[in-house]
């Protein structure tokens, strides 16, 4: 079901709500435990998108639009995310200049609290470079390699593992999750090709 006036899409997955925010658009309707998907053109973002395109083919390729994810941890726009510098706090306002999708999960207050607690526990961990390398080697060789460490997170593994603490089980191993896995799991469809990014 789509509410075109508000740009809100409800999917069949537990009535998850997905809302697109274009450049310059913001919202005050935020809940801890929800997450965002976005995309960028940094070298790491481009590398992630290449890996996603190796894994996702056919109709699933549309989910490779996203190469970054972050978890909302408060209703004021506080985020916890993982990037090259590690796991840290940020604000959703950081993404006002770019397109992002807000994914509102169906969850109780307790489940949301558990998701946030895991993300906070993960603060200051290192970025999951070994996870990225093992995913890349698996994509190239076809052999499942697991080189990751429990004390490292990628952006999408942080979100997937946080959601797991809220009882939201991924179809893929959360440690190997890519932003496209989150998009596919929650049916986050890309906008029309001519939509401003």
N, C-alpha and C. Protein backbone atom coordinates (compact mmCIF):
# COMPACT_ATOMS: atom_id res chain seq x y z
N UNK A 1 0.85 -1.17 0.00
CA UNK A 1 0.00 0.00 0.00
C UNK A 1 0.90 1.23 0.00
N UNK A 2 0.57 2.22 -0.82
CA UNK A 2 1.39 3.42 -0.94
C UNK A 2 0.54 4.65 -0.69
N UNK A 3 0.97 5.52 0.18
CA UNK A 3 0.35 6.81 0.41
C UNK A 3 1.20 7.82 -0.35
N UNK A 4 0.79 8.14 -1.59
CA UNK A 4 1.62 8.99 -2.45
C UNK A 4 1.77 10.40 -1.91
N UNK A 5 0.76 10.89 -1.20
CA UNK A 5 0.83 12.25 -0.68
C UNK A 5 1.96 12.40 0.33
N UNK A 6 2.18 11.40 1.17
CA UNK A 6 3.23 11.48 2.18
C UNK A 6 4.48 10.70 1.79
N UNK A 7 4.46 10.00 0.66
CA UNK A 7 5.61 9.22 0.23
C UNK A 7 5.86 8.02 1.11
N UNK A 8 4.82 7.50 1.74
CA UNK A 8 4.96 6.40 2.70
C UNK A 8 4.54 5.10 2.04
N UNK A 9 5.37 4.07 2.18
CA UNK A 9 5.06 2.76 1.65
C UNK A 9 4.98 1.79 2.80
N UNK A 10 3.93 0.97 2.83
CA UNK A 10 3.84 -0.09 3.82
C UNK A 10 4.06 -1.40 3.10
N UNK A 11 4.96 -2.22 3.60
CA UNK A 11 5.27 -3.49 2.97
C UNK A 11 4.54 -4.60 3.69
N UNK A 12 4.62 -5.77 3.12
CA UNK A 12 3.96 -6.93 3.72
C UNK A 12 4.75 -7.50 4.89
N UNK A 13 5.96 -7.06 5.12
CA UNK A 13 6.78 -7.58 6.22
C UNK A 13 6.39 -6.88 7.51
N UNK A 14 5.45 -7.50 8.23
CA UNK A 14 5.02 -6.97 9.54
C UNK A 14 4.57 -5.51 9.44
N UNK A 15 4.07 -5.08 8.30
CA UNK A 15 3.64 -3.70 8.11
C UNK A 15 4.78 -2.72 8.40
N UNK A 16 5.97 -3.08 7.98
CA UNK A 16 7.11 -2.17 8.07
C UNK A 16 6.80 -0.94 7.23
N UNK A 17 7.12 0.22 7.73
CA UNK A 17 6.90 1.46 6.99
C UNK A 17 8.23 1.97 6.47
N UNK A 18 8.22 2.38 5.22
CA UNK A 18 9.43 2.88 4.57
C UNK A 18 9.13 4.26 4.03
N UNK A 19 9.98 5.20 4.35
CA UNK A 19 9.77 6.56 3.87
C UNK A 19 11.05 7.09 3.26
N UNK A 20 10.93 7.63 2.05
CA UNK A 20 12.07 8.21 1.35
C UNK A 20 12.17 9.69 1.70
N UNK A 21 13.40 10.14 1.95
CA UNK A 21 13.69 11.55 2.16
C UNK A 21 14.70 11.98 1.12
N UNK A 22 14.31 12.91 0.27
CA UNK A 22 15.21 13.43 -0.74
C UNK A 22 16.11 14.50 -0.15
N UNK A 23 17.06 14.98 -0.92
CA UNK A 23 17.96 16.02 -0.44
C UNK A 23 17.19 17.21 0.13
N UNK A 24 17.53 17.62 1.35
CA UNK A 24 16.90 18.75 2.00
C UNK A 24 15.66 18.41 2.81
N UNK A 25 15.16 17.19 2.71
CA UNK A 25 13.96 16.79 3.45
C UNK A 25 14.36 16.15 4.78
N UNK A 26 13.55 16.42 5.81
CA UNK A 26 13.82 15.85 7.13
C UNK A 26 12.50 15.42 7.77
N UNK A 27 12.61 14.73 8.88
CA UNK A 27 11.44 14.33 9.65
C UNK A 27 11.74 14.45 11.14
N UNK A 28 10.69 14.66 11.91
CA UNK A 28 10.81 14.65 13.37
C UNK A 28 10.21 13.38 13.94
N UNK A 29 9.61 12.56 13.09
CA UNK A 29 8.93 11.34 13.50
C UNK A 29 9.92 10.17 13.50
N UNK A 30 10.74 10.10 14.55
CA UNK A 30 11.80 9.10 14.62
C UNK A 30 11.61 8.22 15.84
N UNK A 31 11.92 6.94 15.69
CA UNK A 31 11.83 6.01 16.81
C UNK A 31 13.14 5.25 16.95
N UNK A 32 13.65 5.11 18.17
CA UNK A 32 14.84 4.30 18.38
C UNK A 32 14.58 2.87 17.91
N UNK A 33 15.58 2.28 17.27
CA UNK A 33 15.46 0.92 16.76
C UNK A 33 15.13 0.86 15.28
N UNK A 34 14.66 1.97 14.70
CA UNK A 34 14.48 2.03 13.26
C UNK A 34 15.85 2.25 12.62
N UNK A 35 15.92 2.15 11.30
CA UNK A 35 17.22 2.35 10.66
C UNK A 35 17.05 3.09 9.35
N UNK A 36 18.19 3.60 8.85
CA UNK A 36 18.20 4.27 7.56
C UNK A 36 19.10 3.51 6.60
N UNK A 37 18.78 3.65 5.33
CA UNK A 37 19.62 3.17 4.23
C UNK A 37 19.91 4.37 3.35
N UNK A 38 21.15 4.51 2.94
CA UNK A 38 21.54 5.61 2.07
C UNK A 38 22.66 5.13 1.15
N UNK A 39 23.18 6.03 0.37
CA UNK A 39 24.27 5.67 -0.54
C UNK A 39 25.19 6.86 -0.71
N UNK A 40 26.43 6.56 -0.95
CA UNK A 40 27.43 7.60 -1.14
C UNK A 40 28.42 7.17 -2.20
N UNK A 41 29.33 8.06 -2.52
CA UNK A 41 30.31 7.80 -3.57
C UNK A 41 31.73 7.75 -3.06
N UNK A 42 31.92 7.49 -1.77
CA UNK A 42 33.28 7.32 -1.26
C UNK A 42 33.88 6.06 -1.87
N UNK A 43 35.17 5.89 -1.75
CA UNK A 43 35.79 4.69 -2.32
C UNK A 43 35.25 3.43 -1.65
N UNK A 44 34.99 3.49 -0.34
CA UNK A 44 34.44 2.32 0.35
C UNK A 44 33.01 2.06 -0.11
N UNK A 45 32.22 3.12 -0.27
CA UNK A 45 30.86 2.96 -0.76
C UNK A 45 30.81 2.34 -2.14
N UNK A 46 31.73 2.77 -3.01
CA UNK A 46 31.78 2.18 -4.36
C UNK A 46 32.21 0.72 -4.29
N UNK A 47 33.15 0.40 -3.40
CA UNK A 47 33.59 -0.98 -3.23
C UNK A 47 32.44 -1.87 -2.75
N UNK A 48 31.67 -1.36 -1.79
CA UNK A 48 30.53 -2.12 -1.28
C UNK A 48 29.52 -2.36 -2.39
N UNK A 49 29.26 -1.34 -3.20
CA UNK A 49 28.29 -1.49 -4.28
C UNK A 49 28.78 -2.52 -5.31
N UNK A 50 30.08 -2.56 -5.59
CA UNK A 50 30.61 -3.58 -6.51
C UNK A 50 30.36 -4.97 -5.93
N UNK A 51 30.66 -5.16 -4.64
CA UNK A 51 30.41 -6.45 -4.00
C UNK A 51 28.95 -6.83 -4.03
N UNK A 52 28.08 -5.86 -3.78
CA UNK A 52 26.64 -6.14 -3.80
C UNK A 52 26.21 -6.58 -5.19
N UNK A 53 26.76 -5.96 -6.21
CA UNK A 53 26.36 -6.32 -7.59
C UNK A 53 26.89 -7.70 -7.98
N UNK A 54 27.94 -8.15 -7.33
CA UNK A 54 28.39 -9.53 -7.56
C UNK A 54 27.44 -10.53 -6.90
N UNK A 55 26.90 -10.16 -5.74
CA UNK A 55 26.01 -11.07 -5.00
C UNK A 55 24.57 -11.02 -5.51
N UNK A 56 24.08 -9.82 -5.82
CA UNK A 56 22.67 -9.65 -6.18
C UNK A 56 22.53 -9.53 -7.68
N UNK A 57 21.77 -10.45 -8.25
CA UNK A 57 21.57 -10.48 -9.70
C UNK A 57 20.08 -10.47 -10.01
N UNK A 58 19.78 -10.31 -11.29
CA UNK A 58 18.38 -10.34 -11.72
C UNK A 58 17.57 -9.26 -11.03
N UNK A 59 16.33 -9.57 -10.66
CA UNK A 59 15.47 -8.55 -10.05
C UNK A 59 15.99 -8.04 -8.70
N UNK A 60 16.82 -8.84 -8.02
CA UNK A 60 17.37 -8.41 -6.73
C UNK A 60 18.44 -7.33 -6.86
N UNK A 61 18.94 -7.12 -8.07
CA UNK A 61 19.99 -6.13 -8.27
C UNK A 61 19.53 -4.72 -7.88
N UNK A 62 18.23 -4.47 -7.92
CA UNK A 62 17.73 -3.14 -7.56
C UNK A 62 18.08 -2.76 -6.13
N UNK A 63 18.32 -3.75 -5.27
CA UNK A 63 18.63 -3.46 -3.87
C UNK A 63 20.07 -2.96 -3.69
N UNK A 64 20.86 -3.01 -4.73
CA UNK A 64 22.26 -2.57 -4.62
C UNK A 64 22.41 -1.05 -4.68
N UNK A 65 21.31 -0.34 -4.71
CA UNK A 65 21.36 1.12 -4.68
C UNK A 65 22.00 1.62 -3.39
N UNK A 66 21.82 0.89 -2.29
CA UNK A 66 22.25 1.35 -0.98
C UNK A 66 23.60 0.75 -0.61
N UNK A 67 24.47 1.58 -0.04
CA UNK A 67 25.77 1.08 0.40
C UNK A 67 26.11 1.55 1.82
N UNK A 68 25.09 2.02 2.56
CA UNK A 68 25.33 2.41 3.95
C UNK A 68 24.03 2.27 4.74
N UNK A 69 24.18 1.87 6.00
CA UNK A 69 23.05 1.73 6.92
C UNK A 69 23.46 2.27 8.28
N UNK A 70 22.48 2.77 9.04
CA UNK A 70 22.74 3.26 10.40
C UNK A 70 21.48 3.05 11.23
N UNK A 71 21.66 2.84 12.54
CA UNK A 71 20.54 2.58 13.45
C UNK A 71 20.19 3.84 14.24
N UNK A 72 18.91 4.17 14.27
CA UNK A 72 18.44 5.27 15.12
C UNK A 72 18.46 4.82 16.56
N UNK A 73 18.98 5.65 17.45
CA UNK A 73 19.07 5.27 18.86
C UNK A 73 18.29 6.20 19.78
N UNK A 74 17.71 7.28 19.23
CA UNK A 74 16.82 8.12 20.03
C UNK A 74 15.87 8.86 19.10
N UNK A 75 14.86 9.50 19.67
CA UNK A 75 13.85 10.18 18.87
C UNK A 75 14.31 11.58 18.43
N UNK A 76 15.50 11.98 18.83
CA UNK A 76 16.07 13.27 18.42
C UNK A 76 16.98 13.14 17.20
N UNK A 77 17.02 11.98 16.58
CA UNK A 77 17.84 11.79 15.39
C UNK A 77 19.22 11.25 15.66
N UNK A 78 19.49 10.79 16.87
CA UNK A 78 20.79 10.19 17.17
C UNK A 78 20.92 8.84 16.47
N UNK A 79 22.08 8.63 15.88
CA UNK A 79 22.38 7.38 15.17
C UNK A 79 23.60 6.73 15.78
N UNK A 80 23.70 5.43 15.60
CA UNK A 80 24.98 4.74 15.78
C UNK A 80 25.25 4.06 14.45
N UNK A 81 26.46 4.27 13.93
CA UNK A 81 26.82 3.73 12.63
C UNK A 81 28.27 3.28 12.64
N UNK A 82 28.60 2.47 11.66
CA UNK A 82 29.98 2.02 11.47
C UNK A 82 30.46 2.54 10.13
N UNK A 83 31.64 3.12 10.14
CA UNK A 83 32.30 3.52 8.90
C UNK A 83 33.79 3.26 9.06
N UNK A 84 34.58 3.76 8.14
CA UNK A 84 36.02 3.45 8.17
C UNK A 84 36.68 3.78 9.50
N UNK A 85 36.12 4.73 10.25
CA UNK A 85 36.71 5.12 11.53
C UNK A 85 36.24 4.25 12.69
N UNK A 86 35.30 3.34 12.45
CA UNK A 86 34.79 2.47 13.50
C UNK A 86 33.34 2.77 13.82
N UNK A 87 32.86 2.24 14.94
CA UNK A 87 31.47 2.42 15.36
C UNK A 87 31.39 3.67 16.23
N UNK A 88 30.52 4.59 15.86
CA UNK A 88 30.43 5.86 16.57
C UNK A 88 29.02 6.43 16.48
N UNK A 89 28.80 7.49 17.26
CA UNK A 89 27.52 8.21 17.24
C UNK A 89 27.54 9.25 16.13
N UNK A 90 26.35 9.54 15.61
CA UNK A 90 26.18 10.60 14.61
C UNK A 90 24.75 11.11 14.73
N UNK A 91 24.38 12.04 13.90
CA UNK A 91 23.02 12.58 13.85
C UNK A 91 22.46 12.36 12.45
N UNK A 92 21.16 12.10 12.39
CA UNK A 92 20.52 11.90 11.09
C UNK A 92 20.64 13.14 10.22
N UNK A 93 20.79 14.31 10.84
CA UNK A 93 20.95 15.55 10.08
C UNK A 93 22.19 15.50 9.17
N UNK A 94 23.12 14.63 9.48
CA UNK A 94 24.30 14.42 8.65
C UNK A 94 23.91 14.02 7.22
N UNK A 95 22.73 13.42 7.08
CA UNK A 95 22.28 12.91 5.78
C UNK A 95 21.23 13.79 5.12
N UNK A 96 21.00 15.00 5.63
CA UNK A 96 19.99 15.89 5.07
C UNK A 96 20.30 16.25 3.62
N UNK A 97 21.55 16.35 3.25
CA UNK A 97 21.92 16.77 1.90
C UNK A 97 21.81 15.66 0.87
N UNK A 98 21.56 14.43 1.31
CA UNK A 98 21.49 13.30 0.38
C UNK A 98 20.17 12.55 0.58
N UNK A 99 19.89 11.66 -0.33
CA UNK A 99 18.71 10.81 -0.21
C UNK A 99 18.97 9.71 0.83
N UNK A 100 17.96 9.45 1.66
CA UNK A 100 18.01 8.29 2.54
C UNK A 100 16.60 7.76 2.74
N UNK A 101 16.53 6.51 3.13
CA UNK A 101 15.25 5.86 3.41
C UNK A 101 15.20 5.52 4.89
N UNK A 102 14.10 5.88 5.52
CA UNK A 102 13.86 5.56 6.92
C UNK A 102 12.99 4.30 6.96
N UNK A 103 13.47 3.27 7.64
CA UNK A 103 12.74 2.01 7.74
C UNK A 103 12.22 1.88 9.17
N UNK A 104 10.90 1.94 9.32
CA UNK A 104 10.25 1.81 10.63
C UNK A 104 9.85 0.36 10.81
N UNK A 105 10.53 -0.31 11.72
CA UNK A 105 10.23 -1.72 11.97
C UNK A 105 9.02 -1.82 12.90
N UNK A 106 8.33 -2.95 12.82
CA UNK A 106 7.24 -3.24 13.75
C UNK A 106 7.89 -3.87 14.97
N UNK A 107 7.90 -3.15 16.09
CA UNK A 107 8.58 -3.65 17.28
C UNK A 107 7.99 -3.00 18.52
N UNK A 108 8.05 -3.74 19.61
CA UNK A 108 7.62 -3.19 20.90
C UNK A 108 8.70 -2.25 21.44
N UNK A 109 8.35 -1.49 22.46
CA UNK A 109 9.34 -0.60 23.09
C UNK A 109 10.50 -1.40 23.66
N UNK A 110 10.21 -2.57 24.27
CA UNK A 110 11.29 -3.42 24.81
C UNK A 110 12.22 -3.91 23.70
N UNK A 111 11.64 -4.34 22.57
CA UNK A 111 12.47 -4.81 21.45
C UNK A 111 13.34 -3.67 20.92
N UNK A 112 12.77 -2.49 20.82
CA UNK A 112 13.55 -1.33 20.36
C UNK A 112 14.69 -1.03 21.33
N UNK A 113 14.40 -1.14 22.62
CA UNK A 113 15.43 -0.91 23.64
C UNK A 113 16.57 -1.90 23.48
N UNK A 114 16.25 -3.16 23.22
CA UNK A 114 17.29 -4.19 23.05
C UNK A 114 18.17 -3.88 21.83
N UNK A 115 17.55 -3.43 20.74
CA UNK A 115 18.32 -3.08 19.54
C UNK A 115 19.29 -1.95 19.85
N UNK A 116 18.80 -0.92 20.53
CA UNK A 116 19.63 0.24 20.87
C UNK A 116 20.74 -0.17 21.83
N UNK A 117 20.42 -1.00 22.81
CA UNK A 117 21.45 -1.43 23.77
C UNK A 117 22.59 -2.16 23.08
N UNK A 118 22.27 -3.01 22.09
CA UNK A 118 23.35 -3.69 21.39
C UNK A 118 24.21 -2.68 20.62
N UNK A 119 23.56 -1.74 19.94
CA UNK A 119 24.32 -0.73 19.19
C UNK A 119 25.22 0.08 20.12
N UNK A 120 24.69 0.45 21.28
CA UNK A 120 25.51 1.20 22.25
C UNK A 120 26.65 0.35 22.79
N UNK A 121 26.41 -0.92 23.00
CA UNK A 121 27.47 -1.83 23.44
C UNK A 121 28.59 -1.89 22.39
N UNK A 122 28.21 -1.74 21.12
CA UNK A 122 29.17 -1.83 20.01
C UNK A 122 29.99 -0.57 19.80
N UNK A 123 29.62 0.53 20.48
CA UNK A 123 30.35 1.79 20.28
C UNK A 123 31.86 1.60 20.48
N UNK A 124 32.62 2.25 19.65
CA UNK A 124 34.08 2.29 19.69
C UNK A 124 34.73 0.99 19.20
N UNK A 125 33.93 0.05 18.69
CA UNK A 125 34.55 -1.11 18.05
C UNK A 125 35.17 -0.67 16.73
N UNK A 126 36.06 -1.50 16.23
CA UNK A 126 36.72 -1.21 14.97
C UNK A 126 35.79 -1.52 13.80
N UNK A 127 36.09 -0.90 12.65
CA UNK A 127 35.35 -1.22 11.44
C UNK A 127 35.72 -2.64 11.01
N UNK A 128 34.78 -3.36 10.43
CA UNK A 128 34.95 -4.76 10.06
C UNK A 128 35.68 -4.99 8.75
N UNK A 129 36.94 -4.54 8.69
CA UNK A 129 37.73 -4.74 7.46
C UNK A 129 37.86 -6.22 7.13
N UNK A 130 38.06 -7.07 8.14
CA UNK A 130 38.18 -8.50 7.85
C UNK A 130 36.87 -9.07 7.32
N UNK A 131 35.74 -8.55 7.81
CA UNK A 131 34.44 -8.98 7.27
C UNK A 131 34.32 -8.60 5.80
N UNK A 132 34.73 -7.38 5.47
CA UNK A 132 34.68 -6.92 4.08
C UNK A 132 35.56 -7.82 3.20
N UNK A 133 36.77 -8.12 3.68
CA UNK A 133 37.69 -8.96 2.91
C UNK A 133 37.12 -10.36 2.73
N UNK A 134 36.55 -10.94 3.80
CA UNK A 134 36.02 -12.31 3.68
C UNK A 134 34.81 -12.34 2.75
N UNK A 135 33.96 -11.32 2.78
CA UNK A 135 32.82 -11.26 1.85
C UNK A 135 33.34 -11.15 0.43
N UNK A 136 34.34 -10.28 0.21
CA UNK A 136 34.90 -10.11 -1.14
C UNK A 136 35.51 -11.41 -1.66
N UNK A 137 36.30 -12.08 -0.81
CA UNK A 137 36.90 -13.34 -1.23
C UNK A 137 35.85 -14.40 -1.53
N UNK A 138 34.79 -14.43 -0.74
CA UNK A 138 33.70 -15.38 -0.98
C UNK A 138 33.01 -15.09 -2.31
N UNK A 139 32.80 -13.82 -2.61
CA UNK A 139 32.14 -13.45 -3.86
C UNK A 139 33.00 -13.82 -5.06
N UNK A 140 34.31 -13.65 -4.94
CA UNK A 140 35.21 -13.94 -6.05
C UNK A 140 35.44 -15.43 -6.23
N UNK A 141 35.60 -16.17 -5.11
CA UNK A 141 35.94 -17.58 -5.20
C UNK A 141 34.74 -18.52 -5.12
N UNK A 142 33.64 -18.05 -4.55
CA UNK A 142 32.49 -18.92 -4.35
C UNK A 142 32.59 -19.76 -3.08
N UNK A 143 33.70 -19.63 -2.36
CA UNK A 143 33.91 -20.39 -1.13
C UNK A 143 33.57 -19.48 0.05
N UNK A 144 32.75 -19.96 0.97
CA UNK A 144 32.38 -19.14 2.12
C UNK A 144 33.55 -19.10 3.10
N UNK A 145 34.11 -17.92 3.25
CA UNK A 145 35.21 -17.69 4.18
C UNK A 145 34.70 -16.79 5.30
N UNK A 146 35.13 -17.05 6.50
CA UNK A 146 34.73 -16.22 7.62
C UNK A 146 35.97 -15.76 8.37
N UNK A 147 36.43 -14.55 8.02
CA UNK A 147 37.63 -13.99 8.63
C UNK A 147 37.31 -12.94 9.68
N UNK A 148 36.02 -12.64 9.88
CA UNK A 148 35.62 -11.54 10.75
C UNK A 148 35.89 -11.80 12.21
N UNK A 149 35.94 -10.72 12.96
CA UNK A 149 36.10 -10.78 14.40
C UNK A 149 34.82 -10.26 15.05
N UNK A 150 34.47 -10.79 16.20
CA UNK A 150 33.28 -10.36 16.91
C UNK A 150 33.34 -8.93 17.38
N UNK A 151 34.53 -8.37 17.47
CA UNK A 151 34.68 -7.00 17.97
C UNK A 151 34.80 -5.98 16.83
N UNK A 152 34.37 -6.37 15.64
CA UNK A 152 34.39 -5.47 14.49
C UNK A 152 33.01 -5.47 13.84
N UNK A 153 32.61 -4.34 13.30
CA UNK A 153 31.31 -4.23 12.65
C UNK A 153 31.43 -3.46 11.35
N UNK A 154 30.65 -3.87 10.36
CA UNK A 154 30.41 -3.04 9.19
C UNK A 154 29.10 -2.30 9.45
N UNK A 155 28.76 -1.35 8.63
CA UNK A 155 27.53 -0.60 8.86
C UNK A 155 26.31 -1.51 8.88
N UNK A 156 26.24 -2.41 7.92
CA UNK A 156 25.06 -3.27 7.82
C UNK A 156 25.07 -4.40 8.83
N UNK A 157 26.25 -4.91 9.21
CA UNK A 157 26.28 -5.95 10.24
C UNK A 157 25.86 -5.36 11.58
N UNK A 158 26.24 -4.11 11.84
CA UNK A 158 25.82 -3.44 13.08
C UNK A 158 24.30 -3.34 13.14
N UNK A 159 23.69 -2.89 12.04
CA UNK A 159 22.22 -2.76 12.01
C UNK A 159 21.57 -4.13 12.09
N UNK A 160 22.05 -5.10 11.32
CA UNK A 160 21.44 -6.43 11.32
C UNK A 160 21.54 -7.09 12.69
N UNK A 161 22.70 -6.97 13.32
CA UNK A 161 22.87 -7.59 14.64
C UNK A 161 22.04 -6.87 15.70
N UNK A 162 21.90 -5.55 15.58
CA UNK A 162 21.04 -4.80 16.50
C UNK A 162 19.59 -5.24 16.35
N UNK A 163 19.15 -5.37 15.09
CA UNK A 163 17.78 -5.81 14.84
C UNK A 163 17.55 -7.23 15.35
N UNK A 164 18.57 -8.05 15.26
CA UNK A 164 18.46 -9.42 15.79
C UNK A 164 18.17 -9.38 17.29
N UNK A 165 18.75 -8.43 18.00
CA UNK A 165 18.47 -8.28 19.43
C UNK A 165 17.05 -7.82 19.69
N UNK A 166 16.39 -7.30 18.66
CA UNK A 166 14.98 -6.91 18.76
C UNK A 166 14.07 -8.03 18.25
N UNK A 167 14.67 -9.19 17.96
CA UNK A 167 13.88 -10.32 17.50
C UNK A 167 13.64 -10.35 16.00
N UNK A 168 14.34 -9.51 15.24
CA UNK A 168 14.19 -9.46 13.78
C UNK A 168 15.33 -10.26 13.15
N UNK A 169 15.03 -11.45 12.72
CA UNK A 169 16.04 -12.38 12.21
C UNK A 169 16.24 -12.15 10.72
N UNK A 170 17.48 -12.02 10.32
CA UNK A 170 17.84 -11.82 8.91
C UNK A 170 17.85 -13.15 8.17
N UNK A 171 17.64 -13.09 6.86
CA UNK A 171 17.74 -14.28 6.02
C UNK A 171 19.20 -14.68 5.81
N UNK A 172 20.12 -13.71 5.98
CA UNK A 172 21.54 -13.99 5.83
C UNK A 172 22.22 -13.84 7.19
N UNK A 173 23.42 -14.35 7.30
CA UNK A 173 24.21 -14.21 8.53
C UNK A 173 24.43 -12.71 8.77
N UNK A 174 24.00 -12.18 9.92
CA UNK A 174 24.15 -10.74 10.17
C UNK A 174 25.59 -10.24 10.03
N UNK A 175 26.56 -11.05 10.36
CA UNK A 175 27.96 -10.63 10.25
C UNK A 175 28.36 -10.43 8.79
N UNK A 176 27.66 -11.06 7.85
CA UNK A 176 27.97 -10.96 6.43
C UNK A 176 26.96 -10.10 5.68
N UNK A 177 26.07 -9.45 6.42
CA UNK A 177 25.02 -8.64 5.79
C UNK A 177 25.61 -7.42 5.10
N UNK A 178 25.03 -7.11 3.97
CA UNK A 178 25.37 -5.90 3.23
C UNK A 178 24.14 -5.00 3.26
N UNK A 179 24.30 -3.70 2.98
CA UNK A 179 23.12 -2.84 2.95
C UNK A 179 22.02 -3.37 2.02
N UNK A 180 22.41 -3.99 0.92
CA UNK A 180 21.42 -4.56 0.00
C UNK A 180 20.63 -5.70 0.65
N UNK A 181 21.26 -6.44 1.57
CA UNK A 181 20.54 -7.49 2.30
C UNK A 181 19.43 -6.88 3.15
N UNK A 182 19.73 -5.77 3.82
CA UNK A 182 18.71 -5.08 4.61
C UNK A 182 17.60 -4.56 3.72
N UNK A 183 17.97 -3.98 2.58
CA UNK A 183 16.97 -3.46 1.65
C UNK A 183 16.06 -4.59 1.15
N UNK A 184 16.65 -5.72 0.81
CA UNK A 184 15.85 -6.84 0.32
C UNK A 184 14.97 -7.42 1.43
N UNK A 185 15.53 -7.57 2.61
CA UNK A 185 14.78 -8.14 3.74
C UNK A 185 13.54 -7.29 4.06
N UNK A 186 13.68 -5.97 3.95
CA UNK A 186 12.59 -5.07 4.31
C UNK A 186 11.89 -4.45 3.10
N UNK A 187 12.17 -4.97 1.90
CA UNK A 187 11.50 -4.53 0.67
C UNK A 187 11.64 -3.03 0.43
N UNK A 188 12.84 -2.52 0.59
CA UNK A 188 13.09 -1.11 0.33
C UNK A 188 13.39 -0.96 -1.15
N UNK A 189 12.38 -0.53 -1.89
CA UNK A 189 12.48 -0.41 -3.34
C UNK A 189 13.09 0.93 -3.72
N UNK A 190 13.94 0.94 -4.73
CA UNK A 190 14.51 2.22 -5.17
C UNK A 190 13.45 3.08 -5.85
N UNK A 191 13.67 4.39 -5.87
CA UNK A 191 12.71 5.28 -6.55
C UNK A 191 12.87 5.18 -8.06
N UNK A 192 12.00 5.86 -8.76
CA UNK A 192 12.10 5.94 -10.22
C UNK A 192 13.46 6.50 -10.62
N UNK A 193 13.91 6.11 -11.79
CA UNK A 193 15.26 6.47 -12.25
C UNK A 193 15.51 7.97 -12.30
N UNK A 194 14.50 8.79 -12.55
CA UNK A 194 14.71 10.24 -12.67
C UNK A 194 14.53 10.99 -11.34
N UNK A 195 14.43 10.27 -10.21
CA UNK A 195 14.25 10.91 -8.90
C UNK A 195 15.58 11.52 -8.45
N UNK A 196 15.57 12.78 -7.96
CA UNK A 196 16.82 13.41 -7.49
C UNK A 196 17.45 12.61 -6.35
N UNK A 197 18.78 12.48 -6.38
CA UNK A 197 19.51 11.74 -5.36
C UNK A 197 20.03 12.69 -4.32
